[in-house]
């Protein structure tokens, strides 16, 4: 349907969804990299031009995820992380911030595997920005499920960015705090 632009008249946001679906399908059937990257580039462009912020965020995030797990390109993940951060960091929605908390450990791993230089991984800067955003979402108790989700993501961010030289007791404290999150997560919307 992407080839027939007249099918999208009056339904511009649908083209962004279809372009992202085409990109993830190309990834899934292991099309050549130039085709996968080209489809994601188009999905991001169409989402930015015709879609919502959520569609734009989803397209950039999926491209970053693909760049790491399918294309093994940590440098591309780092570049795309900045775009995801730009779209998600101001959000009070834990689901948006979760995308950053999923990508940050990939950069930590890439750094440990020497796929990225420390200045390109920028772990501390990125962790600090994500932590600040998650703290703000956690402190917004008007939305208890979102607050709880942000709290769990914050704890996972701490786990993912702990370094080998850190005190092991630090990890124990994080797991104990997780116990308190788990005990209150009896709500239907909490993504256990």
N, C-alpha and C. Protein backbone atom coordinates (compact mmCIF):
# COMPACT_ATOMS: atom_id res chain seq x y z
N UNK A 1 0.81 -1.19 0.00
CA UNK A 1 0.00 0.00 0.00
C UNK A 1 0.86 1.27 0.00
N UNK A 2 2.11 1.20 0.52
CA UNK A 2 2.98 2.38 0.53
C UNK A 2 3.24 2.91 -0.87
N UNK A 3 3.23 2.04 -1.84
CA UNK A 3 3.51 2.46 -3.22
C UNK A 3 2.39 3.33 -3.78
N UNK A 4 1.17 3.17 -3.28
CA UNK A 4 0.03 3.93 -3.76
C UNK A 4 -0.29 5.05 -2.77
N UNK A 5 0.29 6.22 -2.99
CA UNK A 5 0.12 7.32 -2.04
C UNK A 5 -1.32 7.83 -1.98
N UNK A 6 -2.12 7.58 -3.01
CA UNK A 6 -3.51 8.05 -2.99
C UNK A 6 -4.33 7.31 -1.93
N UNK A 7 -3.88 6.14 -1.53
CA UNK A 7 -4.60 5.37 -0.52
C UNK A 7 -4.53 6.03 0.86
N UNK A 8 -3.61 6.98 1.03
CA UNK A 8 -3.42 7.63 2.33
C UNK A 8 -4.04 9.01 2.41
N UNK A 9 -4.71 9.44 1.36
CA UNK A 9 -5.32 10.77 1.39
C UNK A 9 -6.36 10.84 2.51
N UNK A 10 -6.16 11.82 3.39
CA UNK A 10 -7.06 11.98 4.53
C UNK A 10 -6.72 11.07 5.70
N UNK A 11 -5.69 10.25 5.56
CA UNK A 11 -5.28 9.33 6.63
C UNK A 11 -3.76 9.37 6.79
N UNK A 12 -3.21 10.55 6.85
CA UNK A 12 -1.75 10.72 6.86
C UNK A 12 -1.04 9.93 7.96
N UNK A 13 -1.54 9.86 9.21
CA UNK A 13 -0.81 9.11 10.23
C UNK A 13 -0.68 7.60 9.94
N UNK A 14 -1.58 7.07 9.13
CA UNK A 14 -1.55 5.64 8.82
C UNK A 14 -0.29 5.29 8.01
N UNK A 15 0.16 6.22 7.19
CA UNK A 15 1.35 5.95 6.38
C UNK A 15 2.57 5.75 7.29
N UNK A 16 2.62 6.46 8.40
CA UNK A 16 3.74 6.30 9.34
C UNK A 16 3.73 4.90 9.94
N UNK A 17 2.54 4.42 10.32
CA UNK A 17 2.43 3.06 10.87
C UNK A 17 2.83 2.01 9.83
N UNK A 18 2.36 2.19 8.62
CA UNK A 18 2.67 1.22 7.56
C UNK A 18 4.16 1.22 7.22
N UNK A 19 4.78 2.39 7.22
CA UNK A 19 6.21 2.47 6.92
C UNK A 19 7.02 1.76 8.02
N UNK A 20 6.63 1.94 9.28
CA UNK A 20 7.33 1.26 10.36
C UNK A 20 7.12 -0.25 10.27
N UNK A 21 5.92 -0.66 9.95
CA UNK A 21 5.64 -2.09 9.78
C UNK A 21 6.50 -2.67 8.65
N UNK A 22 6.65 -1.95 7.55
CA UNK A 22 7.48 -2.40 6.43
C UNK A 22 8.94 -2.52 6.85
N UNK A 23 9.41 -1.59 7.66
CA UNK A 23 10.80 -1.63 8.13
C UNK A 23 11.03 -2.82 9.05
N UNK A 24 10.11 -3.06 9.98
CA UNK A 24 10.30 -4.19 10.90
C UNK A 24 10.15 -5.52 10.17
N UNK A 25 9.33 -5.56 9.14
CA UNK A 25 9.24 -6.79 8.34
C UNK A 25 10.53 -7.02 7.56
N UNK A 26 11.10 -5.97 6.98
CA UNK A 26 12.37 -6.10 6.25
C UNK A 26 13.47 -6.60 7.19
N UNK A 27 13.46 -6.09 8.42
CA UNK A 27 14.41 -6.55 9.43
C UNK A 27 14.18 -8.03 9.72
N UNK A 28 12.94 -8.40 9.92
CA UNK A 28 12.60 -9.77 10.30
C UNK A 28 12.93 -10.81 9.24
N UNK A 29 12.80 -10.43 7.98
CA UNK A 29 13.13 -11.40 6.92
C UNK A 29 14.56 -11.22 6.42
N UNK A 30 15.33 -10.45 7.20
CA UNK A 30 16.77 -10.28 6.98
C UNK A 30 17.13 -9.77 5.59
N UNK A 31 16.43 -8.70 5.21
CA UNK A 31 16.79 -8.00 3.98
C UNK A 31 18.18 -7.38 4.17
N UNK A 32 18.86 -7.01 3.10
CA UNK A 32 20.19 -6.40 3.24
C UNK A 32 20.12 -5.10 4.05
N UNK A 33 21.24 -4.77 4.67
CA UNK A 33 21.27 -3.62 5.56
C UNK A 33 20.81 -2.34 4.88
N UNK A 34 21.25 -2.10 3.67
CA UNK A 34 20.86 -0.86 3.00
C UNK A 34 19.35 -0.76 2.88
N UNK A 35 18.68 -1.88 2.70
CA UNK A 35 17.23 -1.86 2.57
C UNK A 35 16.57 -1.65 3.94
N UNK A 36 17.08 -2.32 4.95
CA UNK A 36 16.54 -2.16 6.31
C UNK A 36 16.72 -0.72 6.77
N UNK A 37 17.94 -0.19 6.66
CA UNK A 37 18.19 1.19 7.06
C UNK A 37 17.35 2.17 6.24
N UNK A 38 17.23 1.91 4.96
CA UNK A 38 16.42 2.78 4.10
C UNK A 38 14.96 2.80 4.52
N UNK A 39 14.44 1.64 4.86
CA UNK A 39 13.04 1.57 5.29
C UNK A 39 12.84 2.25 6.64
N UNK A 40 13.80 2.08 7.56
CA UNK A 40 13.68 2.78 8.84
C UNK A 40 13.82 4.28 8.65
N UNK A 41 14.73 4.70 7.79
CA UNK A 41 14.88 6.13 7.52
C UNK A 41 13.55 6.71 7.01
N UNK A 42 12.91 5.99 6.10
CA UNK A 42 11.62 6.44 5.58
C UNK A 42 10.56 6.45 6.68
N UNK A 43 10.55 5.42 7.52
CA UNK A 43 9.56 5.35 8.61
C UNK A 43 9.72 6.53 9.56
N UNK A 44 10.97 6.87 9.89
CA UNK A 44 11.23 8.00 10.79
C UNK A 44 10.78 9.30 10.13
N UNK A 45 11.14 9.47 8.87
CA UNK A 45 10.78 10.70 8.15
C UNK A 45 9.27 10.86 8.04
N UNK A 46 8.57 9.78 7.68
CA UNK A 46 7.11 9.86 7.54
C UNK A 46 6.43 10.09 8.89
N UNK A 47 6.96 9.47 9.94
CA UNK A 47 6.39 9.68 11.28
C UNK A 47 6.59 11.13 11.72
N UNK A 48 7.76 11.67 11.43
CA UNK A 48 8.04 13.06 11.79
C UNK A 48 7.13 14.02 11.02
N UNK A 49 6.92 13.72 9.72
CA UNK A 49 6.15 14.64 8.87
C UNK A 49 4.64 14.45 8.99
N UNK A 50 4.19 13.21 9.16
CA UNK A 50 2.75 12.95 9.10
C UNK A 50 2.16 12.29 10.34
N UNK A 51 3.01 11.83 11.23
CA UNK A 51 2.52 11.09 12.38
C UNK A 51 2.56 11.90 13.65
N UNK A 52 2.33 11.19 14.73
CA UNK A 52 2.37 11.80 16.05
C UNK A 52 3.78 11.69 16.63
N UNK A 53 3.98 12.34 17.76
CA UNK A 53 5.26 12.23 18.46
C UNK A 53 5.50 10.78 18.87
N UNK A 54 4.44 10.08 19.28
CA UNK A 54 4.59 8.67 19.67
C UNK A 54 5.01 7.81 18.48
N UNK A 55 4.48 8.09 17.31
CA UNK A 55 4.88 7.33 16.13
C UNK A 55 6.33 7.62 15.77
N UNK A 56 6.73 8.87 15.89
CA UNK A 56 8.11 9.26 15.62
C UNK A 56 9.05 8.56 16.60
N UNK A 57 8.69 8.60 17.88
CA UNK A 57 9.48 7.94 18.92
C UNK A 57 9.59 6.44 18.66
N UNK A 58 8.48 5.81 18.31
CA UNK A 58 8.48 4.36 18.05
C UNK A 58 9.39 4.02 16.87
N UNK A 59 9.36 4.82 15.83
CA UNK A 59 10.17 4.54 14.64
C UNK A 59 11.66 4.67 14.94
N UNK A 60 12.05 5.72 15.65
CA UNK A 60 13.47 5.91 15.97
C UNK A 60 13.93 4.80 16.92
N UNK A 61 13.10 4.50 17.91
CA UNK A 61 13.45 3.45 18.88
C UNK A 61 13.64 2.09 18.19
N UNK A 62 12.71 1.73 17.33
CA UNK A 62 12.82 0.45 16.62
C UNK A 62 14.07 0.40 15.75
N UNK A 63 14.43 1.52 15.17
CA UNK A 63 15.65 1.57 14.35
C UNK A 63 16.88 1.36 15.23
N UNK A 64 16.88 1.99 16.41
CA UNK A 64 18.00 1.80 17.34
C UNK A 64 18.08 0.34 17.79
N UNK A 65 16.96 -0.24 18.14
CA UNK A 65 16.91 -1.64 18.57
C UNK A 65 17.43 -2.56 17.46
N UNK A 66 16.99 -2.29 16.25
CA UNK A 66 17.42 -3.06 15.09
C UNK A 66 18.91 -2.90 14.85
N UNK A 67 19.40 -1.68 15.01
CA UNK A 67 20.83 -1.41 14.79
C UNK A 67 21.70 -2.21 15.73
N UNK A 68 21.22 -2.46 16.93
CA UNK A 68 22.02 -3.23 17.88
C UNK A 68 21.88 -4.73 17.64
N UNK A 69 20.65 -5.22 17.62
CA UNK A 69 20.43 -6.67 17.61
C UNK A 69 20.49 -7.31 16.23
N UNK A 70 20.20 -6.56 15.18
CA UNK A 70 20.24 -7.14 13.84
C UNK A 70 21.48 -6.72 13.08
N UNK A 71 21.89 -5.47 13.28
CA UNK A 71 22.98 -4.93 12.46
C UNK A 71 24.30 -4.81 13.22
N UNK A 72 24.26 -5.01 14.54
CA UNK A 72 25.45 -4.96 15.40
C UNK A 72 26.25 -3.68 15.18
N UNK A 73 25.55 -2.57 15.15
CA UNK A 73 26.17 -1.27 14.91
C UNK A 73 25.95 -0.37 16.12
N UNK A 74 26.86 -0.44 17.08
CA UNK A 74 26.73 0.32 18.32
C UNK A 74 26.82 1.82 18.08
N UNK A 75 27.59 2.24 17.10
CA UNK A 75 27.70 3.66 16.80
C UNK A 75 26.35 4.22 16.35
N UNK A 76 25.64 3.47 15.53
CA UNK A 76 24.31 3.90 15.08
C UNK A 76 23.35 3.96 16.26
N UNK A 77 23.46 2.99 17.17
CA UNK A 77 22.60 3.00 18.36
C UNK A 77 22.86 4.27 19.16
N UNK A 78 24.11 4.62 19.32
CA UNK A 78 24.46 5.82 20.06
C UNK A 78 23.85 7.07 19.41
N UNK A 79 23.95 7.16 18.09
CA UNK A 79 23.36 8.30 17.37
C UNK A 79 21.84 8.33 17.54
N UNK A 80 21.22 7.17 17.40
CA UNK A 80 19.77 7.10 17.50
C UNK A 80 19.29 7.30 18.95
N UNK A 81 20.11 6.90 19.92
CA UNK A 81 19.76 7.13 21.33
C UNK A 81 19.50 8.62 21.55
N UNK A 82 20.36 9.46 20.98
CA UNK A 82 20.18 10.90 21.14
C UNK A 82 18.83 11.37 20.59
N UNK A 83 18.40 10.78 19.48
CA UNK A 83 17.11 11.15 18.91
C UNK A 83 15.96 10.65 19.79
N UNK A 84 16.09 9.42 20.30
CA UNK A 84 15.06 8.88 21.19
C UNK A 84 14.99 9.74 22.45
N UNK A 85 16.16 10.10 22.98
CA UNK A 85 16.21 10.92 24.18
C UNK A 85 15.52 12.26 23.95
N UNK A 86 15.78 12.87 22.83
CA UNK A 86 15.18 14.17 22.51
C UNK A 86 13.65 14.08 22.50
N UNK A 87 13.12 12.96 22.01
CA UNK A 87 11.67 12.78 21.93
C UNK A 87 11.05 12.34 23.25
N UNK A 88 11.79 11.57 24.05
CA UNK A 88 11.19 10.95 25.24
C UNK A 88 11.51 11.63 26.56
N UNK A 89 12.62 12.31 26.65
CA UNK A 89 13.12 12.77 27.96
C UNK A 89 12.17 13.76 28.63
N UNK A 90 11.45 14.55 27.89
CA UNK A 90 10.52 15.51 28.48
C UNK A 90 9.18 14.91 28.85
N UNK A 91 8.99 13.66 28.52
CA UNK A 91 7.71 13.00 28.78
C UNK A 91 7.58 12.60 30.24
N UNK A 92 6.39 12.68 30.74
CA UNK A 92 6.11 12.19 32.09
C UNK A 92 5.56 10.76 32.02
N UNK A 93 5.50 10.20 30.82
CA UNK A 93 4.96 8.87 30.62
C UNK A 93 6.07 7.83 30.72
N UNK A 94 5.93 6.92 31.67
CA UNK A 94 6.96 5.89 31.89
C UNK A 94 7.15 5.01 30.66
N UNK A 95 6.10 4.82 29.88
CA UNK A 95 6.24 4.00 28.67
C UNK A 95 7.22 4.64 27.68
N UNK A 96 7.20 5.96 27.58
CA UNK A 96 8.16 6.65 26.69
C UNK A 96 9.57 6.54 27.25
N UNK A 97 9.70 6.74 28.54
CA UNK A 97 11.02 6.68 29.19
C UNK A 97 11.57 5.26 29.19
N UNK A 98 10.68 4.27 29.15
CA UNK A 98 11.13 2.88 29.11
C UNK A 98 11.99 2.61 27.88
N UNK A 99 11.70 3.28 26.80
CA UNK A 99 12.50 3.09 25.59
C UNK A 99 13.96 3.47 25.83
N UNK A 100 14.16 4.57 26.54
CA UNK A 100 15.53 4.96 26.89
C UNK A 100 16.17 3.96 27.84
N UNK A 101 15.38 3.49 28.80
CA UNK A 101 15.93 2.55 29.78
C UNK A 101 16.22 1.19 29.14
N UNK A 102 15.62 0.91 28.00
CA UNK A 102 15.95 -0.31 27.24
C UNK A 102 17.22 -0.13 26.42
N UNK A 103 17.44 1.07 25.92
CA UNK A 103 18.60 1.33 25.06
C UNK A 103 19.89 1.58 25.85
N UNK A 104 19.78 2.19 27.01
CA UNK A 104 20.98 2.53 27.77
C UNK A 104 21.84 1.30 28.10
N UNK A 105 21.25 0.18 28.55
CA UNK A 105 22.09 -1.00 28.81
C UNK A 105 22.80 -1.53 27.55
N UNK A 106 22.21 -1.29 26.39
CA UNK A 106 22.87 -1.71 25.15
C UNK A 106 24.16 -0.93 24.95
N UNK A 107 24.11 0.35 25.29
CA UNK A 107 25.32 1.18 25.18
C UNK A 107 26.35 0.79 26.22
N UNK A 108 25.88 0.46 27.43
CA UNK A 108 26.79 -0.02 28.48
C UNK A 108 27.49 -1.29 27.99
N UNK A 109 26.71 -2.20 27.42
CA UNK A 109 27.27 -3.45 26.90
C UNK A 109 28.26 -3.17 25.76
N UNK A 110 27.89 -2.27 24.87
CA UNK A 110 28.78 -1.93 23.75
C UNK A 110 30.09 -1.34 24.25
N UNK A 111 30.02 -0.57 25.30
CA UNK A 111 31.23 -0.01 25.90
C UNK A 111 32.10 -1.11 26.49
N UNK A 112 31.49 -2.03 27.22
CA UNK A 112 32.24 -3.14 27.83
C UNK A 112 32.84 -4.07 26.78
N UNK A 113 32.15 -4.21 25.65
CA UNK A 113 32.64 -5.07 24.56
C UNK A 113 33.59 -4.32 23.63
N UNK A 114 33.90 -3.07 23.99
CA UNK A 114 34.78 -2.21 23.21
C UNK A 114 34.28 -1.97 21.79
N UNK A 115 32.94 -1.94 21.66
CA UNK A 115 32.32 -1.59 20.39
C UNK A 115 32.17 -0.07 20.27
N UNK A 116 32.27 0.62 21.41
CA UNK A 116 32.15 2.07 21.47
C UNK A 116 33.21 2.64 22.40
N UNK A 117 33.67 3.82 22.10
CA UNK A 117 34.57 4.54 22.97
C UNK A 117 33.74 5.22 24.07
N UNK A 118 34.31 5.42 25.25
CA UNK A 118 33.55 6.03 26.35
C UNK A 118 32.90 7.37 26.00
N UNK A 119 33.61 8.21 25.25
CA UNK A 119 33.03 9.52 24.92
C UNK A 119 31.83 9.40 23.99
N UNK A 120 31.78 8.36 23.17
CA UNK A 120 30.63 8.15 22.29
C UNK A 120 29.48 7.48 23.03
N UNK A 121 29.80 6.62 23.99
CA UNK A 121 28.76 5.95 24.77
C UNK A 121 28.08 6.96 25.71
N UNK A 122 28.86 7.89 26.25
CA UNK A 122 28.35 8.96 27.12
C UNK A 122 27.40 8.41 28.20
N UNK A 123 27.80 7.33 28.83
CA UNK A 123 26.92 6.63 29.77
C UNK A 123 26.50 7.54 30.93
N UNK A 124 27.44 8.21 31.54
CA UNK A 124 27.10 9.02 32.73
C UNK A 124 26.13 10.14 32.39
N UNK A 125 26.37 10.85 31.31
CA UNK A 125 25.48 11.94 30.91
C UNK A 125 24.08 11.40 30.62
N UNK A 126 24.03 10.32 29.88
CA UNK A 126 22.73 9.74 29.51
C UNK A 126 22.01 9.16 30.72
N UNK A 127 22.77 8.50 31.59
CA UNK A 127 22.17 7.93 32.80
C UNK A 127 21.60 9.04 33.68
N UNK A 128 22.35 10.12 33.83
CA UNK A 128 21.90 11.23 34.67
C UNK A 128 20.61 11.85 34.13
N UNK A 129 20.53 12.05 32.83
CA UNK A 129 19.32 12.62 32.22
C UNK A 129 18.13 11.68 32.39
N UNK A 130 18.36 10.39 32.15
CA UNK A 130 17.28 9.41 32.29
C UNK A 130 16.84 9.31 33.75
N UNK A 131 17.80 9.29 34.66
CA UNK A 131 17.47 9.21 36.09
C UNK A 131 16.61 10.40 36.51
N UNK A 132 16.98 11.58 36.07
CA UNK A 132 16.22 12.79 36.41
C UNK A 132 14.78 12.68 35.89
N UNK A 133 14.62 12.24 34.65
CA UNK A 133 13.28 12.12 34.07
C UNK A 133 12.46 11.05 34.78
N UNK A 134 13.09 9.93 35.10
CA UNK A 134 12.38 8.85 35.80
C UNK A 134 12.00 9.27 37.22
N UNK A 135 12.87 10.02 37.88
CA UNK A 135 12.56 10.53 39.23
C UNK A 135 11.32 11.43 39.17
N UNK A 136 11.27 12.29 38.17
CA UNK A 136 10.12 13.19 38.03
C UNK A 136 8.83 12.39 37.80
N UNK A 137 8.89 11.38 36.94
CA UNK A 137 7.71 10.55 36.70
C UNK A 137 7.33 9.75 37.94
N UNK A 138 8.32 9.26 38.65
CA UNK A 138 8.08 8.50 39.89
C UNK A 138 7.41 9.37 40.95
N UNK A 139 7.83 10.63 41.02
CA UNK A 139 7.30 11.55 42.03
C UNK A 139 5.89 12.05 41.71
N UNK A 140 5.41 11.82 40.49
CA UNK A 140 4.07 12.23 40.09
C UNK A 140 3.07 11.16 40.53
N UNK A 141 2.65 11.23 41.79
CA UNK A 141 1.79 10.19 42.36
C UNK A 141 0.33 10.33 41.97
N UNK A 142 0.00 11.36 41.18
CA UNK A 142 -1.36 11.50 40.68
C UNK A 142 -1.67 10.33 39.73
N UNK A 143 -0.65 9.81 39.10
CA UNK A 143 -0.77 8.64 38.22
C UNK A 143 -0.02 7.48 38.87
N UNK A 144 -0.65 6.77 39.80
CA UNK A 144 0.08 5.77 40.60
C UNK A 144 0.71 4.64 39.78
N UNK A 145 0.04 4.15 38.76
CA UNK A 145 0.63 3.08 37.93
C UNK A 145 1.85 3.58 37.19
N UNK A 146 1.76 4.77 36.64
CA UNK A 146 2.88 5.37 35.93
C UNK A 146 4.04 5.62 36.89
N UNK A 147 3.73 6.10 38.08
CA UNK A 147 4.74 6.36 39.10
C UNK A 147 5.47 5.07 39.48
N UNK A 148 4.72 4.03 39.67
CA UNK A 148 5.30 2.74 40.04
C UNK A 148 6.16 2.18 38.90
N UNK A 149 5.67 2.31 37.68
CA UNK A 149 6.43 1.86 36.51
C UNK A 149 7.74 2.64 36.41
N UNK A 150 7.68 3.95 36.60
CA UNK A 150 8.89 4.77 36.55
C UNK A 150 9.86 4.36 37.66
N UNK A 151 9.34 4.03 38.83
CA UNK A 151 10.18 3.59 39.94
C UNK A 151 10.92 2.30 39.57
N UNK A 152 10.19 1.35 39.00
CA UNK A 152 10.82 0.08 38.58
C UNK A 152 11.87 0.33 37.49
N UNK A 153 11.58 1.21 36.55
CA UNK A 153 12.54 1.52 35.49
C UNK A 153 13.78 2.21 36.06
N UNK A 154 13.58 3.05 37.05
CA UNK A 154 14.69 3.72 37.71
C UNK A 154 15.61 2.70 38.38
N UNK A 155 15.02 1.73 39.06
CA UNK A 155 15.81 0.68 39.70
C UNK A 155 16.56 -0.15 38.66
N UNK A 156 15.90 -0.48 37.57
CA UNK A 156 16.56 -1.25 36.51
C UNK A 156 17.71 -0.45 35.88
N UNK A 157 17.53 0.85 35.77
CA UNK A 157 18.60 1.70 35.24
C UNK A 157 19.80 1.66 36.17
N UNK A 158 19.53 1.67 37.48
CA UNK A 158 20.64 1.57 38.45
C UNK A 158 21.36 0.23 38.30
N UNK A 159 20.59 -0.84 38.14
CA UNK A 159 21.19 -2.18 37.97
C UNK A 159 22.03 -2.22 36.70
N UNK A 160 21.48 -1.71 35.63
CA UNK A 160 22.14 -1.79 34.32
C UNK A 160 23.41 -0.96 34.24
N UNK A 161 23.50 0.07 35.07
CA UNK A 161 24.68 0.94 34.96
C UNK A 161 25.63 0.80 36.14
N UNK A 162 25.41 -0.22 36.94
CA UNK A 162 26.35 -0.49 38.06
C UNK A 162 27.67 -0.95 37.44
N UNK A 163 28.76 -0.48 37.97
CA UNK A 163 30.05 -0.90 37.43
C UNK A 163 30.68 -1.96 38.31
N UNK A 164 31.63 -2.66 37.74
CA UNK A 164 32.27 -3.79 38.41
C UNK A 164 32.92 -3.38 39.73
N UNK A 165 33.39 -2.15 39.82
CA UNK A 165 34.07 -1.71 41.03
C UNK A 165 33.15 -1.24 42.14
N UNK A 166 31.84 -1.18 41.87
CA UNK A 166 30.89 -0.71 42.88
C UNK A 166 30.75 -1.72 44.01
N UNK A 167 30.35 -1.23 45.14
CA UNK A 167 30.12 -2.05 46.33
C UNK A 167 28.95 -3.00 46.06
N UNK A 168 29.14 -4.31 46.28
CA UNK A 168 28.05 -5.29 46.06
C UNK A 168 26.82 -5.00 46.91
N UNK A 169 26.99 -4.34 48.04
CA UNK A 169 25.85 -4.01 48.90
C UNK A 169 24.89 -3.06 48.17
N UNK A 170 25.42 -2.29 47.23
CA UNK A 170 24.60 -1.37 46.45
C UNK A 170 23.53 -2.15 45.67
N UNK A 171 23.94 -3.28 45.11
CA UNK A 171 23.01 -4.13 44.38
C UNK A 171 21.97 -4.72 45.32
N UNK A 172 22.37 -5.13 46.49
CA UNK A 172 21.42 -5.66 47.48
C UNK A 172 20.36 -4.62 47.83
N UNK A 173 20.77 -3.37 47.99
CA UNK A 173 19.82 -2.30 48.30
C UNK A 173 18.79 -2.13 47.18
N UNK A 174 19.28 -2.23 45.94
CA UNK A 174 18.37 -2.08 44.80
C UNK A 174 17.35 -3.21 44.80
N UNK A 175 17.80 -4.44 45.02
CA UNK A 175 16.87 -5.59 45.03
C UNK A 175 15.86 -5.46 46.17
N UNK A 176 16.30 -4.96 47.32
CA UNK A 176 15.37 -4.75 48.44
C UNK A 176 14.30 -3.71 48.08
N UNK A 177 14.73 -2.67 47.39
CA UNK A 177 13.76 -1.65 46.96
C UNK A 177 12.79 -2.23 45.94
N UNK A 178 13.27 -3.13 45.09
CA UNK A 178 12.39 -3.80 44.13
C UNK A 178 11.29 -4.57 44.85
N UNK A 179 11.62 -5.13 46.01
CA UNK A 179 10.62 -5.85 46.79
C UNK A 179 9.46 -4.93 47.17
N UNK A 180 9.78 -3.69 47.53
CA UNK A 180 8.71 -2.76 47.87
C UNK A 180 7.88 -2.39 46.64
N UNK A 181 8.51 -2.28 45.48
CA UNK A 181 7.78 -1.99 44.24
C UNK A 181 6.87 -3.16 43.91
N UNK A 182 7.39 -4.36 44.03
CA UNK A 182 6.60 -5.56 43.72
C UNK A 182 5.39 -5.69 44.64
N UNK A 183 5.56 -5.34 45.90
CA UNK A 183 4.47 -5.50 46.85
C UNK A 183 3.32 -4.54 46.60
N UNK A 184 3.59 -3.38 45.98
CA UNK A 184 2.53 -2.45 45.68
C UNK A 184 2.00 -2.61 44.25
N UNK A 185 2.65 -3.42 43.47
CA UNK A 185 2.28 -3.53 42.04
C UNK A 185 1.13 -4.51 41.82
N UNK A 186 0.10 -4.35 42.57
CA UNK A 186 -1.06 -5.22 42.41
C UNK A 186 -2.11 -4.60 41.50
N UNK A 187 -1.73 -3.54 40.83
CA UNK A 187 -2.65 -2.88 39.92
C UNK A 187 -2.63 -3.57 38.57
N UNK A 188 -3.73 -3.49 37.86
CA UNK A 188 -3.85 -4.18 36.58
C UNK A 188 -3.00 -3.62 35.47
N UNK A 189 -2.62 -2.36 35.57
CA UNK A 189 -1.88 -1.72 34.48
C UNK A 189 -0.37 -1.75 34.65
N UNK A 190 0.10 -2.28 35.76
CA UNK A 190 1.55 -2.29 36.00
C UNK A 190 2.21 -3.39 35.19
N UNK A 191 3.21 -3.06 34.33
CA UNK A 191 3.85 -4.08 33.48
C UNK A 191 4.87 -4.92 34.25
N UNK A 192 4.38 -5.91 34.97
CA UNK A 192 5.24 -6.76 35.78
C UNK A 192 6.27 -7.44 34.90
